[in-house]
Amino acid sequence: MAFKIETVIEEQTARMTLHGELDSLSARVFMTEIEKLSGQPIEVLVLDMEDLDFMSSAGLRVLIFSKQKIGTHLAIYIVKPQELIVDTLEKTGLHHSVTIVDQYPV
C-alpha cells in the first residue's frame, strides 16, 4: 500500500493521519509535512498510525527531526500504532520521547 498522509491543524495541535508504509522514500514526504509545521505555534503533534503498516528507521529519524524542527517542547502522541511499530519504538528507546495512546484526546 502506498504511503499517504493527511494533516489537520487546529489551534496548537497538528494531527497527521498516516496510511501505508513509511520507508526511506515516503519518509521524505513525512519530513516535508513536518517542515511545514515549523514556525507555527504547534504544541502537540498527534500521529494517527492505525493504518500505518510499517515504519523504517527513516521514519524514526523524522520523529526525532520533528522535535528538533518544531521544538523540544513538542508533545508527540502516537495513536493506535501496530504492534511491530511499538516494538521498534521500544527497541530504539524512542518510546520515552513520545506518548503511545489508543485515542486522542486521551
Protein backbone atom coordinates (compact mmCIF):
# COMPACT_ATOMS: atom_id res chain seq x y z
CA MET A 1 0.00 0.00 0.00
CA ALA A 2 1.36 3.41 -0.98
CA PHE A 3 2.12 5.93 1.74
CA LYS A 4 -0.43 8.67 2.29
CA ILE A 5 -0.55 11.44 4.89
CA GLU A 6 -3.33 13.83 5.83
CA THR A 7 -2.65 16.85 8.06
CA VAL A 8 -5.17 18.92 10.01
CA ILE A 9 -4.15 21.85 12.23
CA GLU A 10 -6.47 23.11 14.95
CA GLU A 11 -5.20 25.79 17.32
CA GLN A 12 -1.85 24.49 18.67
CA THR A 13 -2.39 20.86 17.67
CA ALA A 14 -1.36 19.25 14.40
CA ARG A 15 -2.92 15.87 13.64
CA MET A 16 -1.38 13.70 10.94
CA THR A 17 -3.03 10.52 9.78
CA LEU A 18 -0.54 8.13 8.19
CA HIS A 19 -1.51 5.27 5.86
CA GLY A 20 0.55 2.55 4.20
CA GLU A 21 4.28 2.04 4.63
CA LEU A 22 6.70 4.67 5.93
CA ASP A 23 10.00 3.71 4.29
CA SER A 24 13.05 5.68 3.16
CA LEU A 25 11.24 7.12 0.13
CA SER A 26 8.00 8.07 1.86
CA ALA A 27 9.90 9.48 4.85
CA ARG A 28 10.72 12.45 2.62
CA VAL A 29 7.00 13.18 2.28
CA PHE A 30 6.60 12.88 6.06
CA MET A 31 9.56 15.21 6.62
CA THR A 32 8.10 17.79 4.22
CA GLU A 33 4.86 17.80 6.23
CA ILE A 34 6.82 18.27 9.47
CA GLU A 35 8.80 21.13 7.92
CA LYS A 36 5.52 22.87 7.05
CA LEU A 37 4.74 22.97 10.78
CA SER A 38 7.95 24.74 11.77
CA GLY A 39 7.41 28.37 12.58
CA GLN A 40 3.81 27.70 13.61
CA PRO A 41 2.80 27.71 17.28
CA ILE A 42 2.38 23.92 17.45
CA GLU A 43 2.49 22.43 20.96
CA VAL A 44 1.07 18.96 20.22
CA LEU A 45 1.70 16.60 17.31
CA VAL A 46 -0.78 13.72 17.04
CA LEU A 47 0.25 10.92 14.71
CA ASP A 48 -2.61 8.55 13.94
CA MET A 49 -0.84 5.34 12.92
CA GLU A 50 -3.73 2.90 12.97
CA ASP A 51 -3.44 2.40 9.19
CA LEU A 52 0.36 2.55 9.07
CA ASP A 53 1.63 -0.96 8.33
CA PHE A 54 5.39 -0.37 8.53
CA MET A 55 7.86 2.26 9.69
CA SER A 56 11.55 2.06 8.78
CA SER A 57 14.46 3.73 10.53
CA ALA A 58 13.96 6.68 8.16
CA GLY A 59 10.53 7.22 9.73
CA LEU A 60 12.08 7.10 13.18
CA ARG A 61 14.56 9.77 12.13
CA VAL A 62 11.67 12.03 11.09
CA LEU A 63 10.16 11.61 14.58
CA ILE A 64 13.44 12.81 16.08
CA PHE A 65 13.65 15.57 13.47
CA SER A 66 10.17 16.81 14.42
CA LYS A 67 11.32 17.60 17.96
CA GLN A 68 14.38 19.39 16.60
CA LYS A 69 12.47 21.30 13.92
CA ILE A 70 9.33 22.28 15.86
CA GLY A 71 10.91 22.46 19.32
CA THR A 72 11.77 20.33 22.31
CA HIS A 73 8.53 21.49 23.97
CA LEU A 74 6.57 19.49 21.38
CA ALA A 75 4.40 16.71 22.83
CA ILE A 76 4.07 13.80 20.38
CA TYR A 77 1.16 11.39 20.68
CA ILE A 78 1.16 8.21 18.61
CA VAL A 79 -2.37 6.86 18.26
CA LYS A 80 -3.09 3.15 17.74
CA PRO A 81 0.24 2.03 16.26
CA GLN A 82 0.65 -1.54 15.03
CA GLU A 83 2.49 -3.84 17.45
CA LEU A 84 5.52 -4.01 15.14
CA ILE A 85 5.84 -0.22 15.28
CA VAL A 86 5.53 -0.22 19.08
CA ASP A 87 8.29 -2.85 19.25
CA THR A 88 10.53 -0.69 17.06
CA LEU A 89 9.90 2.39 19.22
CA GLU A 90 10.72 0.40 22.36
CA LYS A 91 13.87 -1.20 20.94
CA THR A 92 15.23 2.18 19.91
CA GLY A 93 14.21 3.93 23.13
CA LEU A 94 12.02 6.44 21.28
CA HIS A 95 9.00 5.36 23.32
CA HIS A 96 10.45 7.58 26.07
CA SER A 97 10.09 10.64 23.80
CA VAL A 98 6.51 10.01 22.68
CA THR A 99 3.22 9.04 24.29
CA ILE A 100 1.51 5.97 22.84
CA VAL A 101 -2.29 6.05 23.22
CA ASP A 102 -5.39 4.28 21.90
CA GLN A 103 -7.15 7.56 21.20
CA TYR A 104 -6.57 11.30 21.26
CA PRO A 105 -7.60 13.28 23.13
CA VAL A 106 -6.83 10.87 25.95
